[in-house]
Amino acid sequence: MKIVVSGASRGLGNALVKNLLSQGDEVFAFARSTENISKLTAQNTNKGKLYFMAFDLMEKDFSPLVKTIKEKLQTIDALVNNAGFLVPKPFIEMTDEDFNRMFDVNVKAPFKLIRELFPLFSKGSHILNISSAGGFQGSVKFPGLSLYSASKGALSILTESLAMEFAKEEIKVNALALGSAQTEMLAQAFPNYKAPLTADEMAEFIAYFTVNGHKFFNGKILPVSLSTP
């Protein structure tokens, strides 16, 4: 499959790209820094094929990214909107800039990527949005994560809406509301907490769902969580 992954420089995104390459998939990965992505090429020789570039999702102009993806892949079988941005801070201390940065990366960037890449999606393709257990209605919420959780909740509703809107094109849209996996972002939010899953273990499931989940689900927000935390 030809798969695009955002936020691939560290944590779940990097582990996901590594897993997809091991399956033999053709992957276009991007993030603000490509240092860790470039290391994956040596680790996956003669398996999948990797393309990557540096791109900041806070940029207003997505055309350089879209142009490069089109040149490398021509068509897309799956898009994984994995990139996320977190500012852990009490609500009263949140600034307008904090709000804008979290919603720009967590909601606006997936919106722009899906819109701009839409002509490249093949029939039967899969758009997978990586949400959070905090953005799942009725889940446990934590102080300091109000705007992050709200942004992931918005991404979940966007997922449900696009599944209906893209039904005629036979493009499936789902979201995984992830609980705890040991990543840099989790450590940022919960410094002294040890998650029950490693990034590699969670990425293995995400890789499987990217390739197969749309055969069983469409427009679903699926909690994937052993703990929260």
C-alpha atoms as a PDB file:
ATOM      1  CA  MET A   1       0.000   0.000   0.000  1.00  0.00           C
ATOM      2  CA  LYS A   2       0.987   3.627  -0.520  1.00  0.00           C
ATOM      3  CA  ILE A   3       0.691   5.347   2.847  1.00  0.00           C
ATOM      4  CA  VAL A   4       1.278   8.916   4.053  1.00  0.00           C
ATOM      5  CA  VAL A   5       2.161   9.451   7.731  1.00  0.00           C
ATOM      6  CA  SER A   6       2.435  12.812   9.492  1.00  0.00           C
ATOM      7  CA  GLY A   7       4.433  13.431  12.665  1.00  0.00           C
ATOM      8  CA  ALA A   8       6.902  10.653  11.871  1.00  0.00           C
ATOM      9  CA  SER A   9      10.014  11.989  13.598  1.00  0.00           C
ATOM     10  CA  ARG A  10       9.461  10.409  17.012  1.00  0.00           C
ATOM     11  CA  GLY A  11       7.174   8.358  19.229  1.00  0.00           C
ATOM     12  CA  LEU A  12       4.248   6.547  17.682  1.00  0.00           C
ATOM     13  CA  GLY A  13       4.730   8.114  14.252  1.00  0.00           C
ATOM     14  CA  ASN A  14       8.300   6.924  13.912  1.00  0.00           C
ATOM     15  CA  ALA A  15       7.444   3.478  15.238  1.00  0.00           C
ATOM     16  CA  LEU A  16       4.484   3.305  12.849  1.00  0.00           C
ATOM     17  CA  VAL A  17       6.611   4.104   9.800  1.00  0.00           C
ATOM     18  CA  LYS A  18       9.134   1.455  10.849  1.00  0.00           C
ATOM     19  CA  ASN A  19       6.345  -1.095  11.197  1.00  0.00           C
ATOM     20  CA  LEU A  20       4.762  -0.249   7.841  1.00  0.00           C
ATOM     21  CA  LEU A  21       8.119  -0.509   6.091  1.00  0.00           C
ATOM     22  CA  SER A  22       8.705  -3.924   7.653  1.00  0.00           C
ATOM     23  CA  GLN A  23       5.413  -5.019   6.052  1.00  0.00           C
ATOM     24  CA  GLY A  24       6.657  -3.892   2.644  1.00  0.00           C
ATOM     25  CA  ASP A  25       4.483  -0.801   2.319  1.00  0.00           C
ATOM     26  CA  GLU A  26       5.482   2.303   0.386  1.00  0.00           C
ATOM     27  CA  VAL A  27       5.528   5.176   2.871  1.00  0.00           C
ATOM     28  CA  PHE A  28       5.779   8.949   2.577  1.00  0.00           C
ATOM     29  CA  ALA A  29       6.644  10.288   6.036  1.00  0.00           C
ATOM     30  CA  PHE A  30       7.078  13.870   7.157  1.00  0.00           C
ATOM     31  CA  ALA A  31       7.700  15.923  10.265  1.00  0.00           C
ATOM     32  CA  ARG A  32       9.425  19.136  11.279  1.00  0.00           C
ATOM     33  CA  SER A  33      12.690  17.186  11.587  1.00  0.00           C
ATOM     34  CA  THR A  34      13.676  14.246   9.409  1.00  0.00           C
ATOM     35  CA  GLU A  35      16.706  13.105  11.418  1.00  0.00           C
ATOM     36  CA  ASN A  36      15.004  10.076  12.962  1.00  0.00           C
ATOM     37  CA  ILE A  37      13.021   9.316   9.803  1.00  0.00           C
ATOM     38  CA  SER A  38      16.133   9.120   7.657  1.00  0.00           C
ATOM     39  CA  LYS A  39      17.614   6.491   9.980  1.00  0.00           C
ATOM     40  CA  LEU A  40      14.770   4.131   9.068  1.00  0.00           C
ATOM     41  CA  THR A  41      16.031   3.717   5.507  1.00  0.00           C
ATOM     42  CA  ALA A  42      19.049   1.699   6.652  1.00  0.00           C
ATOM     43  CA  GLN A  43      16.918  -0.411   8.994  1.00  0.00           C
ATOM     44  CA  ASN A  44      14.485  -1.521   6.293  1.00  0.00           C
ATOM     45  CA  THR A  45      16.635  -2.311   3.260  1.00  0.00           C
ATOM     46  CA  ASN A  46      14.881  -4.447   0.614  1.00  0.00           C
ATOM     47  CA  LYS A  47      11.519  -4.250   2.386  1.00  0.00           C
ATOM     48  CA  GLY A  48       9.218  -1.260   2.052  1.00  0.00           C
ATOM     49  CA  LYS A  49      10.075   1.973   0.282  1.00  0.00           C
ATOM     50  CA  LEU A  50      10.452   5.219   2.209  1.00  0.00           C
ATOM     51  CA  TYR A  51      10.160   8.824   1.059  1.00  0.00           C
ATOM     52  CA  PHE A  52      10.436  11.669   3.550  1.00  0.00           C
ATOM     53  CA  MET A  53      10.685  15.432   3.843  1.00  0.00           C
ATOM     54  CA  ALA A  54      10.779  18.108   6.516  1.00  0.00           C
ATOM     55  CA  PHE A  55       7.522  20.021   6.824  1.00  0.00           C
ATOM     56  CA  ASP A  56       5.982  22.025   9.650  1.00  0.00           C
ATOM     57  CA  LEU A  57       2.200  21.621   9.896  1.00  0.00           C
ATOM     58  CA  MET A  58       1.942  25.171  11.210  1.00  0.00           C
ATOM     59  CA  GLU A  59       2.924  26.433   7.745  1.00  0.00           C
ATOM     60  CA  LYS A  60       0.123  28.188   5.903  1.00  0.00           C
ATOM     61  CA  ASP A  61       1.104  26.872   2.479  1.00  0.00           C
ATOM     62  CA  PHE A  62       0.833  23.093   2.116  1.00  0.00           C
ATOM     63  CA  SER A  63       1.514  23.102  -1.633  1.00  0.00           C
ATOM     64  CA  PRO A  64       5.234  22.095  -1.409  1.00  0.00           C
ATOM     65  CA  LEU A  65       4.290  19.058   0.667  1.00  0.00           C
ATOM     66  CA  VAL A  66       1.363  18.077  -1.558  1.00  0.00           C
ATOM     67  CA  LYS A  67       3.473  18.496  -4.704  1.00  0.00           C
ATOM     68  CA  THR A  68       6.198  16.219  -3.346  1.00  0.00           C
ATOM     69  CA  ILE A  69       3.735  13.545  -2.207  1.00  0.00           C
ATOM     70  CA  LYS A  70       2.123  13.569  -5.642  1.00  0.00           C
ATOM     71  CA  GLU A  71       5.503  13.249  -7.370  1.00  0.00           C
ATOM     72  CA  LYS A  72       6.606  10.331  -5.185  1.00  0.00           C
ATOM     73  CA  LEU A  73       3.401   8.320  -4.786  1.00  0.00           C
ATOM     74  CA  GLN A  74       1.005   9.459  -7.562  1.00  0.00           C
ATOM     75  CA  THR A  75      -1.857   7.853  -5.617  1.00  0.00           C
ATOM     76  CA  ILE A  76      -2.584   7.268  -1.912  1.00  0.00           C
ATOM     77  CA  ASP A  77      -4.130   4.172  -0.313  1.00  0.00           C
ATOM     78  CA  ALA A  78      -3.993   5.451   3.272  1.00  0.00           C
ATOM     79  CA  LEU A  79      -3.338   8.689   5.133  1.00  0.00           C
ATOM     80  CA  VAL A  80      -2.500   8.574   8.852  1.00  0.00           C
ATOM     81  CA  ASN A  81      -2.955  11.946  10.533  1.00  0.00           C
ATOM     82  CA  ASN A  82      -0.680  11.118  13.435  1.00  0.00           C
ATOM     83  CA  ALA A  83       0.971  14.470  14.206  1.00  0.00           C
ATOM     84  CA  GLY A  84      -0.101  16.049  17.464  1.00  0.00           C
ATOM     85  CA  PHE A  85       0.818  19.067  19.548  1.00  0.00           C
ATOM     86  CA  LEU A  86       0.408  19.365  23.305  1.00  0.00           C
ATOM     87  CA  VAL A  87       0.748  22.237  25.758  1.00  0.00           C
ATOM     88  CA  PRO A  88       0.114  20.836  29.262  1.00  0.00           C
ATOM     89  CA  LYS A  89      -1.008  23.831  31.291  1.00  0.00           C
ATOM     90  CA  PRO A  90      -3.864  24.827  33.622  1.00  0.00           C
ATOM     91  CA  PHE A  91      -6.793  26.184  31.626  1.00  0.00           C
ATOM     92  CA  ILE A  92      -6.638  29.653  33.215  1.00  0.00           C
ATOM     93  CA  GLU A  93      -3.008  29.984  32.126  1.00  0.00           C
ATOM     94  CA  MET A  94      -3.686  29.003  28.509  1.00  0.00           C
ATOM     95  CA  THR A  95      -2.944  31.709  25.946  1.00  0.00           C
ATOM     96  CA  ASP A  96      -4.490  32.389  22.562  1.00  0.00           C
ATOM     97  CA  GLU A  97      -1.239  31.147  21.039  1.00  0.00           C
ATOM     98  CA  ASP A  98      -1.517  27.860  22.955  1.00  0.00           C
ATOM     99  CA  PHE A  99      -5.047  27.424  21.610  1.00  0.00           C
ATOM    100  CA  ASN A 100      -4.022  28.247  18.040  1.00  0.00           C
ATOM    101  CA  ARG A 101      -1.008  25.946  18.008  1.00  0.00           C
ATOM    102  CA  MET A 102      -2.897  22.942  19.353  1.00  0.00           C
ATOM    103  CA  PHE A 103      -5.907  23.393  17.086  1.00  0.00           C
ATOM    104  CA  ASP A 104      -3.704  24.220  14.083  1.00  0.00           C
ATOM    105  CA  VAL A 105      -1.789  20.935  14.363  1.00  0.00           C
ATOM    106  CA  ASN A 106      -4.461  18.663  15.839  1.00  0.00           C
ATOM    107  CA  VAL A 107      -7.475  19.776  13.777  1.00  0.00           C
ATOM    108  CA  LYS A 108      -6.647  22.255  11.029  1.00  0.00           C
ATOM    109  CA  ALA A 109      -3.679  20.304   9.662  1.00  0.00           C
ATOM    110  CA  PRO A 110      -5.688  17.078   9.155  1.00  0.00           C
ATOM    111  CA  PHE A 111      -8.434  19.172   7.517  1.00  0.00           C
ATOM    112  CA  LYS A 112      -5.939  20.732   5.101  1.00  0.00           C
ATOM    113  CA  LEU A 113      -4.125  17.483   4.371  1.00  0.00           C
ATOM    114  CA  ILE A 114      -7.318  15.612   3.600  1.00  0.00           C
ATOM    115  CA  ARG A 115      -8.633  18.439   1.428  1.00  0.00           C
ATOM    116  CA  GLU A 116      -5.404  18.946  -0.528  1.00  0.00           C
ATOM    117  CA  LEU A 117      -4.604  15.252  -0.967  1.00  0.00           C
ATOM    118  CA  PHE A 118      -8.165  14.241  -1.796  1.00  0.00           C
ATOM    119  CA  PRO A 119      -7.556  13.961  -5.579  1.00  0.00           C
ATOM    120  CA  LEU A 120      -4.829  11.380  -4.897  1.00  0.00           C
ATOM    121  CA  PHE A 121      -6.935   9.000  -2.809  1.00  0.00           C
ATOM    122  CA  SER A 122      -7.638   5.744  -4.600  1.00  0.00           C
ATOM    123  CA  LYS A 123     -11.049   4.091  -4.493  1.00  0.00           C
ATOM    124  CA  GLY A 124     -11.364   2.163  -1.236  1.00  0.00           C
ATOM    125  CA  SER A 125      -8.628   4.134   0.514  1.00  0.00           C
ATOM    126  CA  HIS A 126      -8.454   4.767   4.259  1.00  0.00           C
ATOM    127  CA  ILE A 127      -8.058   8.019   6.176  1.00  0.00           C
ATOM    128  CA  LEU A 128      -7.025   7.280   9.758  1.00  0.00           C
ATOM    129  CA  ASN A 129      -7.007  10.092  12.305  1.00  0.00           C
ATOM    130  CA  ILE A 130      -5.079   9.546  15.520  1.00  0.00           C
ATOM    131  CA  SER A 131      -7.224  10.963  18.286  1.00  0.00           C
ATOM    132  CA  SER A 132      -6.845  10.578  22.044  1.00  0.00           C
ATOM    133  CA  ALA A 133      -8.719   8.907  24.861  1.00  0.00           C
ATOM    134  CA  GLY A 134      -9.039  12.427  26.249  1.00  0.00           C
ATOM    135  CA  GLY A 135     -10.993  13.401  23.138  1.00  0.00           C
ATOM    136  CA  PHE A 136     -13.426  10.496  23.523  1.00  0.00           C
ATOM    137  CA  GLN A 137     -16.785  11.480  25.019  1.00  0.00           C
ATOM    138  CA  GLY A 138     -17.288  10.105  28.526  1.00  0.00           C
ATOM    139  CA  SER A 139     -13.636   9.244  29.105  1.00  0.00           C
ATOM    140  CA  VAL A 140     -11.650  10.332  32.147  1.00  0.00           C
ATOM    141  CA  LYS A 141     -10.305  13.866  31.750  1.00  0.00           C
ATOM    142  CA  PHE A 142      -7.201  15.349  33.357  1.00  0.00           C
ATOM    143  CA  PRO A 143      -6.276  18.846  34.570  1.00  0.00           C
ATOM    144  CA  GLY A 144      -3.950  20.679  32.229  1.00  0.00           C
ATOM    145  CA  LEU A 145      -5.139  18.851  29.123  1.00  0.00           C
ATOM    146  CA  SER A 146      -8.423  20.681  28.465  1.00  0.00           C
ATOM    147  CA  LEU A 147      -7.564  22.268  25.123  1.00  0.00           C
ATOM    148  CA  TYR A 148      -5.603  19.259  23.901  1.00  0.00           C
ATOM    149  CA  SER A 149      -8.567  17.015  24.675  1.00  0.00           C
ATOM    150  CA  ALA A 150     -10.962  19.498  23.054  1.00  0.00           C
ATOM    151  CA  SER A 151      -8.876  19.556  19.874  1.00  0.00           C
ATOM    152  CA  LYS A 152      -8.851  15.761  19.705  1.00  0.00           C
ATOM    153  CA  GLY A 153     -12.609  15.749  20.303  1.00  0.00           C
ATOM    154  CA  ALA A 154     -12.995  18.064  17.306  1.00  0.00           C
ATOM    155  CA  LEU A 155     -10.895  15.677  15.213  1.00  0.00           C
ATOM    156  CA  SER A 156     -13.189  12.823  16.227  1.00  0.00           C
ATOM    157  CA  ILE A 157     -16.318  14.679  15.073  1.00  0.00           C
ATOM    158  CA  LEU A 158     -14.574  15.622  11.822  1.00  0.00           C
ATOM    159  CA  THR A 159     -13.867  11.914  11.322  1.00  0.00           C
ATOM    160  CA  GLU A 160     -17.529  10.956  11.673  1.00  0.00           C
ATOM    161  CA  SER A 161     -18.623  13.751   9.338  1.00  0.00           C
ATOM    162  CA  LEU A 162     -16.122  12.950   6.575  1.00  0.00           C
ATOM    163  CA  ALA A 163     -17.034   9.267   6.601  1.00  0.00           C
ATOM    164  CA  MET A 164     -20.513  10.259   5.473  1.00  0.00           C
ATOM    165  CA  GLU A 165     -19.305  12.933   3.073  1.00  0.00           C
ATOM    166  CA  PHE A 166     -16.859  10.608   1.284  1.00  0.00           C
ATOM    167  CA  ALA A 167     -19.169   7.588   1.117  1.00  0.00           C
ATOM    168  CA  LYS A 168     -19.850   8.003  -2.607  1.00  0.00           C
ATOM    169  CA  GLU A 169     -16.126   7.968  -3.343  1.00  0.00           C
ATOM    170  CA  GLU A 170     -15.786   4.789  -1.236  1.00  0.00           C
ATOM    171  CA  ILE A 171     -13.158   6.438   0.967  1.00  0.00           C
ATOM    172  CA  LYS A 172     -13.335   5.241   4.566  1.00  0.00           C
ATOM    173  CA  VAL A 173     -12.527   7.512   7.519  1.00  0.00           C
ATOM    174  CA  ASN A 174     -11.868   6.311  11.067  1.00  0.00           C
ATOM    175  CA  ALA A 175     -10.148   7.492  14.232  1.00  0.00           C
ATOM    176  CA  LEU A 176      -8.300   5.680  16.981  1.00  0.00           C
ATOM    177  CA  ALA A 177      -8.681   7.316  20.399  1.00  0.00           C
ATOM    178  CA  LEU A 178      -5.419   6.202  21.927  1.00  0.00           C
ATOM    179  CA  GLY A 179      -4.755   5.705  25.587  1.00  0.00           C
ATOM    180  CA  SER A 180      -1.326   5.378  27.154  1.00  0.00           C
ATOM    181  CA  ALA A 181       1.754   4.343  25.205  1.00  0.00           C
ATOM    182  CA  GLN A 182       5.251   5.257  26.347  1.00  0.00           C
ATOM    183  CA  THR A 183       6.116   8.242  24.157  1.00  0.00           C
ATOM    184  CA  GLU A 184       7.733  11.638  24.567  1.00  0.00           C
ATOM    185  CA  MET A 185       4.310  13.296  24.514  1.00  0.00           C
ATOM    186  CA  LEU A 186       3.010  11.063  27.311  1.00  0.00           C
ATOM    187  CA  ALA A 187       6.071  11.896  29.408  1.00  0.00           C
ATOM    188  CA  GLN A 188       5.393  15.578  28.763  1.00  0.00           C
ATOM    189  CA  ALA A 189       1.846  15.270  30.111  1.00  0.00           C
ATOM    190  CA  PHE A 190       2.535  12.713  32.874  1.00  0.00           C
ATOM    191  CA  PRO A 191       6.255  12.894  33.766  1.00  0.00           C
ATOM    192  CA  ASN A 192       6.272  10.147  36.404  1.00  0.00           C
ATOM    193  CA  TYR A 193       3.899   7.709  34.736  1.00  0.00           C
ATOM    194  CA  LYS A 194       4.955   4.482  33.005  1.00  0.00           C
ATOM    195  CA  ALA A 195       2.542   3.297  30.326  1.00  0.00           C
ATOM    196  CA  PRO A 196       1.547  -0.363  29.948  1.00  0.00           C
ATOM    197  CA  LEU A 197       2.446  -0.313  26.238  1.00  0.00           C
ATOM    198  CA  THR A 198       5.578   0.765  24.406  1.00  0.00           C
ATOM    199  CA  ALA A 199       5.404   2.966  21.330  1.00  0.00           C
ATOM    200  CA  ASP A 200       6.363  -0.036  19.186  1.00  0.00           C
ATOM    201  CA  GLU A 201       3.548  -2.160  20.610  1.00  0.00           C
ATOM    202  CA  MET A 202       0.918   0.505  19.984  1.00  0.00           C
ATOM    203  CA  ALA A 203       2.358   1.216  16.522  1.00  0.00           C
ATOM    204  CA  GLU A 204       2.027  -2.445  15.586  1.00  0.00           C
ATOM    205  CA  PHE A 205      -1.718  -2.238  16.162  1.00  0.00           C
ATOM    206  CA  ILE A 206      -2.008   1.112  14.334  1.00  0.00           C
ATOM    207  CA  ALA A 207      -0.144  -0.324  11.340  1.00  0.00           C
ATOM    208  CA  TYR A 208      -2.536  -3.270  11.193  1.00  0.00           C
ATOM    209  CA  PHE A 209      -5.556  -0.983  11.490  1.00  0.00           C
ATOM    210  CA  THR A 210      -4.239   1.374   8.812  1.00  0.00           C
ATOM    211  CA  VAL A 211      -4.118  -1.451   6.299  1.00  0.00           C
ATOM    212  CA  ASN A 212      -7.155  -3.459   7.433  1.00  0.00           C
ATOM    213  CA  GLY A 213      -9.417  -1.384   9.692  1.00  0.00           C
ATOM    214  CA  HIS A 214     -11.486   0.153   6.909  1.00  0.00           C
ATOM    215  CA  LYS A 215     -12.580  -3.318   5.827  1.00  0.00           C
ATOM    216  CA  PHE A 216     -14.612  -3.497   9.036  1.00  0.00           C
ATOM    217  CA  PHE A 217     -15.217   0.088  10.196  1.00  0.00           C
ATOM    218  CA  ASN A 218     -16.180   3.460   8.761  1.00  0.00           C
ATOM    219  CA  GLY A 219     -16.870   6.682  10.631  1.00  0.00           C
ATOM    220  CA  LYS A 220     -15.912   5.085  13.939  1.00  0.00           C
ATOM    221  CA  ILE A 221     -14.031   6.547  16.893  1.00  0.00           C
ATOM    222  CA  LEU A 222     -12.448   3.506  18.507  1.00  0.00           C
ATOM    223  CA  PRO A 223     -10.868   3.711  21.973  1.00  0.00           C
ATOM    224  CA  VAL A 224      -7.575   1.787  22.130  1.00  0.00           C
ATOM    225  CA  SER A 225      -6.588   1.907  25.751  1.00  0.00           C
ATOM    226  CA  LEU A 226      -5.385  -0.255  28.611  1.00  0.00           C
ATOM    227  CA  SER A 227      -5.112   2.857  30.758  1.00  0.00           C
ATOM    228  CA  THR A 228      -5.675   6.613  30.446  1.00  0.00           C
ATOM    229  CA  PRO A 229      -3.277   6.725  32.451  1.00  0.00           C
END
